[in-house]
Protein backbone atom coordinates (compact mmCIF):
# COMPACT_ATOMS: atom_id res chain seq x y z
CA MET A 1 35.33 192.60 -160.46
CA LYS A 2 36.00 189.24 -158.66
CA LEU A 3 38.41 186.88 -160.39
CA ASN A 4 38.64 183.40 -159.92
CA LEU A 5 41.81 181.51 -159.71
CA LEU A 6 41.84 180.40 -163.40
CA GLN A 7 40.93 183.92 -164.58
CA ILE A 8 43.83 185.00 -162.88
CA TRP A 9 45.87 182.20 -164.21
CA ILE A 10 44.58 183.24 -167.79
CA TYR A 11 46.01 186.80 -167.55
CA LEU A 12 49.39 185.83 -165.75
CA TYR A 13 49.77 183.48 -168.55
CA PHE A 14 48.69 186.28 -171.44
CA LEU A 15 51.12 188.61 -169.75
CA ILE A 16 54.19 186.24 -170.42
CA ILE A 17 52.53 185.93 -174.11
CA GLU A 18 51.97 189.76 -174.85
CA ILE A 19 55.83 190.13 -173.72
CA THR A 20 57.18 187.57 -175.83
CA LEU A 21 55.21 186.31 -178.78
CA MET A 22 53.80 187.80 -181.97
CA VAL A 23 50.28 186.37 -182.53
CA LYS A 24 47.97 186.46 -185.41
CA LEU A 25 44.20 186.43 -185.32
CA ALA A 26 42.24 186.02 -188.65
CA CYS A 27 38.32 186.27 -189.19
CA LYS A 28 38.43 183.10 -191.55
CA ASP A 29 39.59 181.00 -188.49
CA TYR A 30 36.47 181.85 -186.67
CA GLY A 31 33.89 181.19 -189.46
CA PHE A 32 33.56 184.75 -191.01
CA GLU A 33 33.86 185.02 -195.03
CA CYS A 34 36.42 187.92 -194.21
CA ASP A 35 40.03 188.17 -195.34
CA PHE A 36 40.72 190.51 -192.32
CA GLU A 37 43.63 189.33 -190.70
CA VAL A 38 45.90 191.18 -188.10
CA GLU A 39 49.50 190.25 -186.63
CA GLY A 40 51.52 191.56 -183.90
CA ASP A 41 52.21 192.08 -180.48
CA ALA A 42 49.35 190.45 -178.52
CA SER A 43 47.87 194.07 -177.05
CA LYS A 44 47.68 195.29 -180.68
CA VAL A 45 45.97 191.81 -182.28
CA ILE A 46 43.61 192.20 -179.33
CA GLU A 47 42.68 195.94 -180.03
CA GLU A 48 42.67 195.65 -183.90
CA PHE A 49 40.47 192.15 -184.11
CA GLY A 50 37.93 193.24 -181.42
CA LYS A 51 37.61 196.75 -183.27
CA HIS A 52 37.20 195.38 -186.54
CA THR A 53 34.82 192.31 -185.14
CA LEU A 54 32.65 195.04 -183.84
CA GLU A 55 32.31 197.48 -186.58
CA GLU A 56 32.49 194.75 -189.33
CA HIS A 57 30.42 192.18 -187.89
CA GLY A 58 28.29 193.15 -185.13
CA ILE A 59 29.89 191.33 -182.49
CA ASP A 60 31.43 192.73 -179.30
CA TYR A 61 34.10 189.96 -178.13
CA GLY A 62 35.65 191.10 -174.79
CA LYS A 63 39.18 191.18 -174.10
CA GLU A 64 39.11 187.91 -172.10
CA SER A 65 37.34 186.45 -175.35
CA LEU A 66 40.12 187.30 -177.73
CA ILE A 67 42.81 186.15 -174.86
CA GLN A 68 41.32 182.92 -175.13
CA PHE A 69 41.31 182.85 -178.92
CA ILE A 70 45.24 183.43 -178.80
CA LEU A 71 45.42 180.67 -175.91
CA ARG A 72 43.88 178.27 -177.75
CA LYS A 73 45.62 178.87 -180.70
CA GLY A 74 48.63 177.95 -179.27
């Protein structure tokens, strides 16, 4: 897989976030009529939110998309 400079920057930035920040994702924030929320370290949130959206909503968000969600929330 070939990465461009922006993708590399996103991955590096995410590694810093993953080490230092607790994050939260909620289905309601992305247009779902669903009360699911997950909070914790970034890798846990990505894994659990991705699993939930695939199983419950039929949407397979890739890791990169979920990283973008977290980065946009600031």
